[in-house]
Amino acid sequence: MGTQQQAFRNRLLSKSRFLTLAVIFTLLGAGCTKNIFSKHQSILNSAVSSNNHLSILKIGVLPTQSRTEQERMVKPLDDYLEKSLGRQVDFQIANNYQEIVDWLVQGKLDIAYLGPVTYLEAIEKGAKVEPLVAPIDKHTGQPWYRSCIIVKADSPIKTIKDLKGKRVAFVDKSSTSGYLMAAATLKKLKINPNRDFAQVIFAGSHSKSMGALENGIADASVTNISSYLKRQKIGKLTHENSRVIWKSAPIPHSPIVISQKLSPELIQQLKQAFISSPDGIEDIVGTESAGYTLVIASDYAPIQELRQELNLISTSAK
């Protein structure tokens, strides 16, 4: 997998500061004749009317954080994309991981913020989508991240083997960092969660998984480093009262996918908009990002291999 990771890193693009500018129609100043003004006003009205008739871009979002937090992050991104693309965008946060996969299969979305596993599940079920970009992790400077397991600072749990007999909060079976990576390691250690854990919890999101640990519902939380660092700013977990007992190998970052029905012109606009996104635009699946880089389907082959090892490939996959 080292060769694939190196190839993936070599495709990392430096973040461009050059924004593609939309065509600007300038109203004529004072002193112009009425006829000339009317002519240019007609052109301007035609351009505005044309933009108004562009179809609304429907963007789905994986529910990785609390809905309130993700709704807060959507607003500046919504404004930025509408200005960059010259058309209205409509964000929809799914209620669960499966719902966003269903939306893609049903053709209800033009763009979606996914995780590596949900992207692969959508493809298997017939969704006509392809990965476009992925965030560059602010803490690593690379388009990858790591899964982790966290416990309370005073917990007797020191290693992943100590999870036996404990309550463990995962995110969702379709979560890459909140389930798949930890499950692969547990299998290698011959630990069966259903048999060896006192309780297996699927919390539904990274914030809820960590919330289960904070509130004493779970003894350990499976999440990722980015979400854990962010949680320390808004939740009860801190460096003082919690610690990481396990980290995964690097995972190719969560892709933003696009429908294959989008025009080449629009796809190019989207690439430019994401790669040129200004500082302060947060990645709404929870990553503290430093921009975006282009990705392709083969970047996620290592994740598919893990899913095959764990027999997680859908038997009804197309």
C-alpha atoms as a PDB file:
ATOM      1  CA  MET A   1       0.000   0.000   0.000  1.00  0.00           C
ATOM      2  CA  GLY A   2       3.068   2.265   0.318  1.00  0.00           C
ATOM      3  CA  THR A   3       3.279   2.691  -3.481  1.00  0.00           C
ATOM      4  CA  GLN A   4      -0.386   3.700  -3.657  1.00  0.00           C
ATOM      5  CA  GLN A   5       0.042   6.193  -0.828  1.00  0.00           C
ATOM      6  CA  GLN A   6       3.115   7.697  -2.544  1.00  0.00           C
ATOM      7  CA  ALA A   7       1.226   7.993  -5.823  1.00  0.00           C
ATOM      8  CA  PHE A   8      -1.636   9.600  -3.958  1.00  0.00           C
ATOM      9  CA  ARG A   9       0.643  12.143  -2.334  1.00  0.00           C
ATOM     10  CA  ASN A  10       2.316  12.947  -5.665  1.00  0.00           C
ATOM     11  CA  ARG A  11      -1.034  14.102  -6.974  1.00  0.00           C
ATOM     12  CA  LEU A  12      -1.321  16.715  -4.247  1.00  0.00           C
ATOM     13  CA  LEU A  13      -1.813  20.049  -5.916  1.00  0.00           C
ATOM     14  CA  SER A  14      -0.567  23.296  -4.424  1.00  0.00           C
ATOM     15  CA  LYS A  15      -3.468  25.421  -3.403  1.00  0.00           C
ATOM     16  CA  SER A  16      -4.132  28.013  -6.067  1.00  0.00           C
ATOM     17  CA  ARG A  17      -4.937  31.578  -5.145  1.00  0.00           C
ATOM     18  CA  PHE A  18      -6.306  32.359  -8.575  1.00  0.00           C
ATOM     19  CA  LEU A  19     -10.112  32.520  -8.605  1.00  0.00           C
ATOM     20  CA  THR A  20     -11.983  32.079 -11.863  1.00  0.00           C
ATOM     21  CA  LEU A  21     -13.875  35.327 -12.289  1.00  0.00           C
ATOM     22  CA  ALA A  22     -17.423  35.409 -13.647  1.00  0.00           C
ATOM     23  CA  VAL A  23     -18.168  37.792 -16.518  1.00  0.00           C
ATOM     24  CA  ILE A  24     -19.008  41.241 -15.092  1.00  0.00           C
ATOM     25  CA  PHE A  25     -21.495  43.443 -16.868  1.00  0.00           C
ATOM     26  CA  THR A  26     -20.892  47.113 -16.051  1.00  0.00           C
ATOM     27  CA  LEU A  27     -23.708  49.624 -16.152  1.00  0.00           C
ATOM     28  CA  LEU A  28     -22.961  52.728 -18.191  1.00  0.00           C
ATOM     29  CA  GLY A  29     -22.157  55.869 -16.198  1.00  0.00           C
ATOM     30  CA  ALA A  30     -23.627  59.348 -16.493  1.00  0.00           C
ATOM     31  CA  GLY A  31     -23.543  61.062 -19.888  1.00  0.00           C
ATOM     32  CA  CYS A  32     -24.569  58.076 -21.995  1.00  0.00           C
ATOM     33  CA  THR A  33     -27.451  58.442 -24.351  1.00  0.00           C
ATOM     34  CA  LYS A  34     -30.783  56.855 -23.595  1.00  0.00           C
ATOM     35  CA  ASN A  35     -30.553  54.492 -26.593  1.00  0.00           C
ATOM     36  CA  ILE A  36     -27.098  53.200 -25.670  1.00  0.00           C
ATOM     37  CA  PHE A  37     -28.147  52.765 -22.041  1.00  0.00           C
ATOM     38  CA  SER A  38     -31.223  50.809 -23.091  1.00  0.00           C
ATOM     39  CA  LYS A  39     -29.100  48.535 -25.273  1.00  0.00           C
ATOM     40  CA  HIS A  40     -26.641  47.681 -22.479  1.00  0.00           C
ATOM     41  CA  GLN A  41     -29.425  47.396 -19.909  1.00  0.00           C
ATOM     42  CA  SER A  42     -31.059  44.821 -22.163  1.00  0.00           C
ATOM     43  CA  ILE A  43     -27.811  42.810 -22.313  1.00  0.00           C
ATOM     44  CA  LEU A  44     -27.472  42.957 -18.529  1.00  0.00           C
ATOM     45  CA  ASN A  45     -31.059  41.859 -17.974  1.00  0.00           C
ATOM     46  CA  SER A  46     -30.501  38.972 -20.370  1.00  0.00           C
ATOM     47  CA  ALA A  47     -27.430  37.817 -18.417  1.00  0.00           C
ATOM     48  CA  VAL A  48     -29.235  38.016 -15.081  1.00  0.00           C
ATOM     49  CA  SER A  49     -32.198  36.151 -16.514  1.00  0.00           C
ATOM     50  CA  SER A  50     -29.869  33.455 -17.841  1.00  0.00           C
ATOM     51  CA  ASN A  51     -28.293  32.939 -14.381  1.00  0.00           C
ATOM     52  CA  ASN A  52     -31.713  32.819 -12.773  1.00  0.00           C
ATOM     53  CA  HIS A  53     -32.635  29.913 -15.043  1.00  0.00           C
ATOM     54  CA  LEU A  54     -29.552  27.847 -14.202  1.00  0.00           C
ATOM     55  CA  SER A  55     -30.557  24.722 -12.345  1.00  0.00           C
ATOM     56  CA  ILE A  56     -30.041  24.683  -8.575  1.00  0.00           C
ATOM     57  CA  LEU A  57     -27.089  22.546  -7.524  1.00  0.00           C
ATOM     58  CA  LYS A  58     -28.185  20.019  -4.912  1.00  0.00           C
ATOM     59  CA  ILE A  59     -25.402  19.162  -2.466  1.00  0.00           C
ATOM     60  CA  GLY A  60     -25.671  16.348   0.078  1.00  0.00           C
ATOM     61  CA  VAL A  61     -23.668  16.224   3.285  1.00  0.00           C
ATOM     62  CA  LEU A  62     -22.715  13.216   5.400  1.00  0.00           C
ATOM     63  CA  PRO A  63     -23.874  13.730   9.030  1.00  0.00           C
ATOM     64  CA  THR A  64     -20.458  13.445  10.664  1.00  0.00           C
ATOM     65  CA  GLN A  65     -20.905  16.225  13.238  1.00  0.00           C
ATOM     66  CA  SER A  66     -23.858  17.635  15.150  1.00  0.00           C
ATOM     67  CA  ARG A  67     -26.508  19.120  12.852  1.00  0.00           C
ATOM     68  CA  THR A  68     -26.189  22.529  14.515  1.00  0.00           C
ATOM     69  CA  GLU A  69     -22.437  22.595  13.916  1.00  0.00           C
ATOM     70  CA  GLN A  70     -22.727  21.468  10.307  1.00  0.00           C
ATOM     71  CA  GLU A  71     -25.479  23.991   9.561  1.00  0.00           C
ATOM     72  CA  ARG A  72     -23.189  26.702  10.908  1.00  0.00           C
ATOM     73  CA  MET A  73     -20.369  25.562   8.626  1.00  0.00           C
ATOM     74  CA  VAL A  74     -22.625  25.328   5.565  1.00  0.00           C
ATOM     75  CA  LYS A  75     -23.521  29.041   5.492  1.00  0.00           C
ATOM     76  CA  PRO A  76     -20.157  30.536   4.408  1.00  0.00           C
ATOM     77  CA  LEU A  77     -19.566  27.656   1.989  1.00  0.00           C
ATOM     78  CA  ASP A  78     -23.018  28.167   0.472  1.00  0.00           C
ATOM     79  CA  ASP A  79     -22.288  31.875  -0.039  1.00  0.00           C
ATOM     80  CA  TYR A  80     -18.851  31.202  -1.530  1.00  0.00           C
ATOM     81  CA  LEU A  81     -20.045  28.575  -4.011  1.00  0.00           C
ATOM     82  CA  GLU A  82     -22.994  30.679  -5.175  1.00  0.00           C
ATOM     83  CA  LYS A  83     -20.689  33.623  -5.883  1.00  0.00           C
ATOM     84  CA  SER A  84     -18.057  31.432  -7.570  1.00  0.00           C
ATOM     85  CA  LEU A  85     -20.487  29.446  -9.706  1.00  0.00           C
ATOM     86  CA  GLY A  86     -23.073  32.140 -10.377  1.00  0.00           C
ATOM     87  CA  ARG A  87     -25.971  29.904  -9.456  1.00  0.00           C
ATOM     88  CA  GLN A  88     -27.988  28.822  -6.430  1.00  0.00           C
ATOM     89  CA  VAL A  89     -26.831  25.860  -4.355  1.00  0.00           C
ATOM     90  CA  ASP A  90     -28.954  23.884  -1.927  1.00  0.00           C
ATOM     91  CA  PHE A  91     -27.288  21.926   0.898  1.00  0.00           C
ATOM     92  CA  GLN A  92     -29.040  18.920   2.447  1.00  0.00           C
ATOM     93  CA  ILE A  93     -27.614  17.232   5.530  1.00  0.00           C
ATOM     94  CA  ALA A  94     -28.571  13.549   5.622  1.00  0.00           C
ATOM     95  CA  ASN A  95     -30.081  12.026   8.744  1.00  0.00           C
ATOM     96  CA  ASN A  96     -27.732   9.037   8.544  1.00  0.00           C
ATOM     97  CA  TYR A  97     -25.005   7.506   6.396  1.00  0.00           C
ATOM     98  CA  GLN A  98     -27.358   5.281   4.421  1.00  0.00           C
ATOM     99  CA  GLU A  99     -29.660   8.128   3.449  1.00  0.00           C
ATOM    100  CA  ILE A 100     -26.998  10.026   1.511  1.00  0.00           C
ATOM    101  CA  VAL A 101     -26.076   6.839  -0.358  1.00  0.00           C
ATOM    102  CA  ASP A 102     -29.741   6.386  -1.278  1.00  0.00           C
ATOM    103  CA  TRP A 103     -29.973  10.006  -2.499  1.00  0.00           C
ATOM    104  CA  LEU A 104     -27.020   9.409  -4.822  1.00  0.00           C
ATOM    105  CA  VAL A 105     -28.394   6.127  -6.153  1.00  0.00           C
ATOM    106  CA  GLN A 106     -31.736   7.843  -6.823  1.00  0.00           C
ATOM    107  CA  GLY A 107     -30.015  10.687  -8.665  1.00  0.00           C
ATOM    108  CA  LYS A 108     -31.258  13.326  -6.226  1.00  0.00           C
ATOM    109  CA  LEU A 109     -27.873  15.016  -5.743  1.00  0.00           C
ATOM    110  CA  ASP A 110     -25.391  16.791  -8.005  1.00  0.00           C
ATOM    111  CA  ILE A 111     -22.588  16.879  -5.430  1.00  0.00           C
ATOM    112  CA  ALA A 112     -22.020  15.084  -2.130  1.00  0.00           C
ATOM    113  CA  TYR A 113     -19.619  15.248   0.802  1.00  0.00           C
ATOM    114  CA  LEU A 114     -18.876  11.606   1.576  1.00  0.00           C
ATOM    115  CA  GLY A 115     -16.431   9.384   3.403  1.00  0.00           C
ATOM    116  CA  PRO A 116     -14.308   6.834   1.496  1.00  0.00           C
ATOM    117  CA  VAL A 117     -16.628   3.960   2.473  1.00  0.00           C
ATOM    118  CA  THR A 118     -19.883   5.758   1.635  1.00  0.00           C
ATOM    119  CA  TYR A 119     -18.405   6.697  -1.741  1.00  0.00           C
ATOM    120  CA  LEU A 120     -17.597   3.040  -2.451  1.00  0.00           C
ATOM    121  CA  GLU A 121     -21.017   1.903  -1.225  1.00  0.00           C
ATOM    122  CA  ALA A 122     -22.732   4.396  -3.510  1.00  0.00           C
ATOM    123  CA  ILE A 123     -20.750   3.127  -6.510  1.00  0.00           C
ATOM    124  CA  GLU A 124     -21.598  -0.487  -5.659  1.00  0.00           C
ATOM    125  CA  LYS A 125     -25.292   0.341  -5.545  1.00  0.00           C
ATOM    126  CA  GLY A 126     -25.242   1.960  -8.954  1.00  0.00           C
ATOM    127  CA  ALA A 127     -24.707   5.662  -8.252  1.00  0.00           C
ATOM    128  CA  LYS A 128     -23.195   7.444 -11.267  1.00  0.00           C
ATOM    129  CA  VAL A 129     -20.688   9.585  -9.401  1.00  0.00           C
ATOM    130  CA  GLU A 130     -16.946  10.213  -9.375  1.00  0.00           C
ATOM    131  CA  PRO A 131     -14.618  11.796  -6.837  1.00  0.00           C
ATOM    132  CA  LEU A 132     -13.585  15.395  -7.540  1.00  0.00           C
ATOM    133  CA  VAL A 133     -11.560  16.788  -4.637  1.00  0.00           C
ATOM    134  CA  ALA A 134     -10.663  15.952  -1.038  1.00  0.00           C
ATOM    135  CA  PRO A 135      -9.573  18.210   1.820  1.00  0.00           C
ATOM    136  CA  ILE A 136      -5.949  18.699   2.765  1.00  0.00           C
ATOM    137  CA  ASP A 137      -5.619  18.066   6.476  1.00  0.00           C
ATOM    138  CA  LYS A 138      -4.515  21.221   8.291  1.00  0.00           C
ATOM    139  CA  HIS A 139      -2.467  19.239  10.817  1.00  0.00           C
ATOM    140  CA  THR A 140      -0.592  17.017   8.348  1.00  0.00           C
ATOM    141  CA  GLY A 141      -0.549  19.177   5.218  1.00  0.00           C
ATOM    142  CA  GLN A 142      -1.570  16.034   3.312  1.00  0.00           C
ATOM    143  CA  PRO A 143      -4.842  14.741   1.775  1.00  0.00           C
ATOM    144  CA  TRP A 144      -5.122  11.970   4.344  1.00  0.00           C
ATOM    145  CA  TYR A 145      -6.196  11.529   7.961  1.00  0.00           C
ATOM    146  CA  ARG A 146      -6.097   8.902  10.700  1.00  0.00           C
ATOM    147  CA  SER A 147      -8.699   6.976  12.632  1.00  0.00           C
ATOM    148  CA  CYS A 148      -8.201   6.792  16.380  1.00  0.00           C
ATOM    149  CA  ILE A 149      -9.639   5.378  19.589  1.00  0.00           C
ATOM    150  CA  ILE A 150      -9.865   7.666  22.599  1.00  0.00           C
ATOM    151  CA  VAL A 151     -10.552   6.985  26.267  1.00  0.00           C
ATOM    152  CA  LYS A 152     -10.737   9.016  29.451  1.00  0.00           C
ATOM    153  CA  ALA A 153      -7.366   9.963  30.921  1.00  0.00           C
ATOM    154  CA  ASP A 154      -7.994   7.944  34.087  1.00  0.00           C
ATOM    155  CA  SER A 155      -9.248   4.857  32.214  1.00  0.00           C
ATOM    156  CA  PRO A 156      -7.512   1.519  32.879  1.00  0.00           C
ATOM    157  CA  ILE A 157      -7.565   0.955  29.095  1.00  0.00           C
ATOM    158  CA  LYS A 158      -4.000   1.319  27.807  1.00  0.00           C
ATOM    159  CA  THR A 159      -4.057  -0.515  24.479  1.00  0.00           C
ATOM    160  CA  ILE A 160      -6.625  -1.714  21.971  1.00  0.00           C
ATOM    161  CA  LYS A 161      -6.434  -5.204  23.515  1.00  0.00           C
ATOM    162  CA  ASP A 162      -7.744  -3.754  26.773  1.00  0.00           C
ATOM    163  CA  LEU A 163     -11.094  -2.986  25.093  1.00  0.00           C
ATOM    164  CA  LYS A 164     -12.262  -6.519  25.843  1.00  0.00           C
ATOM    165  CA  GLY A 165     -15.162  -6.398  28.258  1.00  0.00           C
ATOM    166  CA  LYS A 166     -15.659  -2.655  27.685  1.00  0.00           C
ATOM    167  CA  ARG A 167     -18.341  -0.486  26.048  1.00  0.00           C
ATOM    168  CA  VAL A 168     -17.135   0.888  22.705  1.00  0.00           C
ATOM    169  CA  ALA A 169     -18.841   3.625  20.656  1.00  0.00           C
ATOM    170  CA  PHE A 170     -18.337   3.416  16.909  1.00  0.00           C
ATOM    171  CA  VAL A 171     -19.831   5.915  14.459  1.00  0.00           C
ATOM    172  CA  ASP A 172     -21.559   3.832  11.788  1.00  0.00           C
ATOM    173  CA  LYS A 173     -20.725   0.659   9.873  1.00  0.00           C
ATOM    174  CA  SER A 174     -20.399   2.867   6.791  1.00  0.00           C
ATOM    175  CA  SER A 175     -17.844   5.113   8.490  1.00  0.00           C
ATOM    176  CA  THR A 176     -14.226   4.718   7.386  1.00  0.00           C
ATOM    177  CA  SER A 177     -12.499   6.240  10.414  1.00  0.00           C
ATOM    178  CA  GLY A 178     -15.389   5.598  12.805  1.00  0.00           C
ATOM    179  CA  TYR A 179     -15.552   1.859  12.123  1.00  0.00           C
ATOM    180  CA  LEU A 180     -13.681   0.268   9.196  1.00  0.00           C
ATOM    181  CA  MET A 181     -10.091   1.039  10.196  1.00  0.00           C
ATOM    182  CA  ALA A 182     -10.603  -0.017  13.810  1.00  0.00           C
ATOM    183  CA  ALA A 183     -12.530  -3.133  12.747  1.00  0.00           C
ATOM    184  CA  ALA A 184      -9.638  -4.200  10.492  1.00  0.00           C
ATOM    185  CA  THR A 185      -7.166  -3.864  13.362  1.00  0.00           C
ATOM    186  CA  LEU A 186      -9.449  -5.706  15.778  1.00  0.00           C
ATOM    187  CA  LYS A 187      -9.763  -8.574  13.311  1.00  0.00           C
ATOM    188  CA  LYS A 188      -5.966  -8.880  13.046  1.00  0.00           C
ATOM    189  CA  LEU A 189      -5.838  -9.100  16.849  1.00  0.00           C
ATOM    190  CA  LYS A 190      -8.591 -11.756  16.762  1.00  0.00           C
ATOM    191  CA  ILE A 191     -10.936  -9.519  18.738  1.00  0.00           C
ATOM    192  CA  ASN A 192     -14.604  -9.867  17.845  1.00  0.00           C
ATOM    193  CA  PRO A 193     -16.551  -6.784  19.030  1.00  0.00           C
ATOM    194  CA  ASN A 194     -19.879  -8.623  19.257  1.00  0.00           C
ATOM    195  CA  ARG A 195     -18.317 -11.372  21.344  1.00  0.00           C
ATOM    196  CA  ASP A 196     -15.580  -9.590  23.270  1.00  0.00           C
ATOM    197  CA  PHE A 197     -17.019  -6.146  24.053  1.00  0.00           C
ATOM    198  CA  ALA A 198     -19.518  -5.555  26.860  1.00  0.00           C
ATOM    199  CA  GLN A 199     -21.502  -3.311  24.483  1.00  0.00           C
ATOM    200  CA  VAL A 200     -21.149  -2.162  20.895  1.00  0.00           C
ATOM    201  CA  ILE A 201     -22.669   1.263  20.239  1.00  0.00           C
ATOM    202  CA  PHE A 202     -23.229   2.815  16.808  1.00  0.00           C
ATOM    203  CA  ALA A 203     -23.686   6.465  17.740  1.00  0.00           C
ATOM    204  CA  GLY A 204     -24.464   7.790  14.252  1.00  0.00           C
ATOM    205  CA  SER A 205     -21.848  10.549  13.998  1.00  0.00           C
ATOM    206  CA  HIS A 206     -18.351  11.377  15.199  1.00  0.00           C
ATOM    207  CA  SER A 207     -19.668  14.002  17.598  1.00  0.00           C
ATOM    208  CA  LYS A 208     -22.122  11.508  19.107  1.00  0.00           C
ATOM    209  CA  SER A 209     -19.452   8.823  19.433  1.00  0.00           C
ATOM    210  CA  MET A 210     -17.249  11.205  21.403  1.00  0.00           C
ATOM    211  CA  GLY A 211     -20.304  12.432  23.297  1.00  0.00           C
ATOM    212  CA  ALA A 212     -20.919   8.873  24.461  1.00  0.00           C
ATOM    213  CA  LEU A 213     -17.436   8.845  25.991  1.00  0.00           C
ATOM    214  CA  GLU A 214     -17.878  12.301  27.517  1.00  0.00           C
ATOM    215  CA  ASN A 215     -21.158  11.321  29.145  1.00  0.00           C
ATOM    216  CA  GLY A 216     -19.993   7.964  30.503  1.00  0.00           C
ATOM    217  CA  ILE A 217     -22.145   5.921  28.142  1.00  0.00           C
ATOM    218  CA  ALA A 218     -19.064   4.356  26.539  1.00  0.00           C
ATOM    219  CA  ASP A 219     -15.596   3.480  27.785  1.00  0.00           C
ATOM    220  CA  ALA A 220     -13.961   4.235  24.424  1.00  0.00           C
ATOM    221  CA  SER A 221     -14.823   6.225  21.315  1.00  0.00           C
ATOM    222  CA  VAL A 222     -13.793   5.363  17.759  1.00  0.00           C
ATOM    223  CA  THR A 223     -13.366   8.524  15.673  1.00  0.00           C
ATOM    224  CA  ASN A 224     -10.553  10.332  13.828  1.00  0.00           C
ATOM    225  CA  ILE A 225      -7.778  12.692  14.880  1.00  0.00           C
ATOM    226  CA  SER A 226      -9.268  15.699  13.072  1.00  0.00           C
ATOM    227  CA  SER A 227     -12.658  15.318  14.747  1.00  0.00           C
ATOM    228  CA  TYR A 228     -11.001  14.704  18.126  1.00  0.00           C
ATOM    229  CA  LEU A 229      -8.914  17.887  17.888  1.00  0.00           C
ATOM    230  CA  LYS A 230     -11.946  19.870  16.823  1.00  0.00           C
ATOM    231  CA  ARG A 231     -14.044  18.367  19.628  1.00  0.00           C
ATOM    232  CA  GLN A 232     -11.577  19.691  22.170  1.00  0.00           C
ATOM    233  CA  LYS A 233     -12.545  23.221  21.116  1.00  0.00           C
ATOM    234  CA  ILE A 234     -16.303  22.779  21.490  1.00  0.00           C
ATOM    235  CA  GLY A 235     -16.880  19.741  23.726  1.00  0.00           C
ATOM    236  CA  LYS A 236     -15.934  18.397  27.122  1.00  0.00           C
ATOM    237  CA  LEU A 237     -12.918  16.393  25.953  1.00  0.00           C
ATOM    238  CA  THR A 238      -9.500  17.961  26.523  1.00  0.00           C
ATOM    239  CA  HIS A 239      -5.858  16.871  26.414  1.00  0.00           C
ATOM    240  CA  GLU A 240      -6.013  16.692  30.198  1.00  0.00           C
ATOM    241  CA  ASN A 241      -9.067  14.441  30.593  1.00  0.00           C
ATOM    242  CA  SER A 242      -8.733  12.161  27.537  1.00  0.00           C
ATOM    243  CA  ARG A 243      -6.048  10.359  25.531  1.00  0.00           C
ATOM    244  CA  VAL A 244      -5.543   8.387  22.332  1.00  0.00           C
ATOM    245  CA  ILE A 245      -4.755   4.676  22.713  1.00  0.00           C
ATOM    246  CA  TRP A 246      -4.574   3.801  19.007  1.00  0.00           C
ATOM    247  CA  LYS A 247      -4.101   5.479  15.621  1.00  0.00           C
ATOM    248  CA  SER A 248      -4.587   3.956  12.188  1.00  0.00           C
ATOM    249  CA  ALA A 249      -2.377   4.141   9.134  1.00  0.00           C
ATOM    250  CA  PRO A 250      -3.112   7.157   6.884  1.00  0.00           C
ATOM    251  CA  ILE A 251      -6.518   7.075   5.183  1.00  0.00           C
ATOM    252  CA  PRO A 252      -7.181   8.826   1.842  1.00  0.00           C
ATOM    253  CA  HIS A 253      -9.343  11.798   2.748  1.00  0.00           C
ATOM    254  CA  SER A 254     -13.117  12.052   2.425  1.00  0.00           C
ATOM    255  CA  PRO A 255     -14.036  12.777  -1.199  1.00  0.00           C
ATOM    256  CA  ILE A 256     -16.421  15.380  -2.513  1.00  0.00           C
ATOM    257  CA  VAL A 257     -18.101  13.518  -5.370  1.00  0.00           C
ATOM    258  CA  ILE A 258     -19.999  14.815  -8.387  1.00  0.00           C
ATOM    259  CA  SER A 259     -22.703  13.367 -10.573  1.00  0.00           C
ATOM    260  CA  GLN A 260     -21.472  12.174 -13.962  1.00  0.00           C
ATOM    261  CA  LYS A 261     -24.359  14.049 -15.569  1.00  0.00           C
ATOM    262  CA  LEU A 262     -22.762  17.440 -14.838  1.00  0.00           C
ATOM    263  CA  SER A 263     -21.320  19.269 -17.832  1.00  0.00           C
ATOM    264  CA  PRO A 264     -17.531  19.429 -18.340  1.00  0.00           C
ATOM    265  CA  GLU A 265     -17.731  23.207 -17.998  1.00  0.00           C
ATOM    266  CA  LEU A 266     -19.458  23.008 -14.628  1.00  0.00           C
ATOM    267  CA  ILE A 267     -17.048  20.321 -13.415  1.00  0.00           C
ATOM    268  CA  GLN A 268     -14.122  22.586 -14.276  1.00  0.00           C
ATOM    269  CA  GLN A 269     -15.808  25.459 -12.419  1.00  0.00           C
ATOM    270  CA  LEU A 270     -16.248  23.254  -9.363  1.00  0.00           C
ATOM    271  CA  LYS A 271     -12.612  22.140  -9.423  1.00  0.00           C
ATOM    272  CA  GLN A 272     -11.450  25.731  -9.572  1.00  0.00           C
ATOM    273  CA  ALA A 273     -13.876  26.853  -6.848  1.00  0.00           C
ATOM    274  CA  PHE A 274     -12.752  24.183  -4.378  1.00  0.00           C
ATOM    275  CA  ILE A 275      -9.026  24.382  -5.080  1.00  0.00           C
ATOM    276  CA  SER A 276      -9.148  28.176  -4.857  1.00  0.00           C
ATOM    277  CA  SER A 277     -11.339  28.307  -1.756  1.00  0.00           C
ATOM    278  CA  PRO A 278     -10.226  31.074   0.615  1.00  0.00           C
ATOM    279  CA  ASP A 279      -8.951  30.594   4.132  1.00  0.00           C
ATOM    280  CA  GLY A 280     -11.750  30.315   6.652  1.00  0.00           C
ATOM    281  CA  ILE A 281     -13.976  28.014   4.578  1.00  0.00           C
ATOM    282  CA  GLU A 282     -14.399  24.944   6.774  1.00  0.00           C
ATOM    283  CA  ASP A 283     -14.745  21.430   5.471  1.00  0.00           C
ATOM    284  CA  ILE A 284     -18.252  20.525   6.582  1.00  0.00           C
ATOM    285  CA  VAL A 285     -17.574  16.859   7.375  1.00  0.00           C
ATOM    286  CA  GLY A 286     -15.407  17.960  10.285  1.00  0.00           C
ATOM    287  CA  THR A 287     -11.860  18.184   8.938  1.00  0.00           C
ATOM    288  CA  GLU A 288      -9.772  21.190   9.848  1.00  0.00           C
ATOM    289  CA  SER A 289      -8.659  21.686   6.277  1.00  0.00           C
ATOM    290  CA  ALA A 290      -6.047  23.759   4.489  1.00  0.00           C
ATOM    291  CA  GLY A 291      -7.759  23.713   1.111  1.00  0.00           C
ATOM    292  CA  TYR A 292      -8.504  20.916  -1.343  1.00  0.00           C
ATOM    293  CA  THR A 293      -6.688  18.745  -3.869  1.00  0.00           C
ATOM    294  CA  LEU A 294      -7.914  16.728  -6.841  1.00  0.00           C
ATOM    295  CA  VAL A 295      -8.529  13.007  -6.331  1.00  0.00           C
ATOM    296  CA  ILE A 296      -9.429  10.042  -8.544  1.00  0.00           C
ATOM    297  CA  ALA A 297     -11.226   6.737  -7.997  1.00  0.00           C
ATOM    298  CA  SER A 298      -8.043   4.646  -7.658  1.00  0.00           C
ATOM    299  CA  ASP A 299      -7.009   6.680  -4.606  1.00  0.00           C
ATOM    300  CA  TYR A 300      -9.643   4.726  -2.665  1.00  0.00           C
ATOM    301  CA  ALA A 301      -8.534   1.237  -3.777  1.00  0.00           C
ATOM    302  CA  PRO A 302      -6.819   0.518  -0.405  1.00  0.00           C
ATOM    303  CA  ILE A 303     -10.115   1.153   1.397  1.00  0.00           C
ATOM    304  CA  GLN A 304     -11.916  -1.228  -0.940  1.00  0.00           C
ATOM    305  CA  GLU A 305      -9.306  -3.891  -0.200  1.00  0.00           C
ATOM    306  CA  LEU A 306      -9.952  -3.530   3.530  1.00  0.00           C
ATOM    307  CA  ARG A 307     -13.684  -3.856   2.975  1.00  0.00           C
ATOM    308  CA  GLN A 308     -13.117  -7.038   1.013  1.00  0.00           C
ATOM    309  CA  GLU A 309     -10.962  -8.477   3.809  1.00  0.00           C
ATOM    310  CA  LEU A 310     -13.773  -7.783   6.274  1.00  0.00           C
ATOM    311  CA  ASN A 311     -16.490  -9.111   3.936  1.00  0.00           C
ATOM    312  CA  LEU A 312     -18.218  -5.737   3.872  1.00  0.00           C
ATOM    313  CA  ILE A 313     -18.853  -5.610   0.122  1.00  0.00           C
ATOM    314  CA  SER A 314     -22.574  -5.622  -0.568  1.00  0.00           C
ATOM    315  CA  THR A 315     -23.752  -8.854  -2.224  1.00  0.00           C
ATOM    316  CA  SER A 316     -26.264  -6.761  -4.196  1.00  0.00           C
ATOM    317  CA  ALA A 317     -23.561  -4.443  -5.544  1.00  0.00           C
ATOM    318  CA  LYS A 318     -23.914  -3.623  -9.192  1.00  0.00           C
END
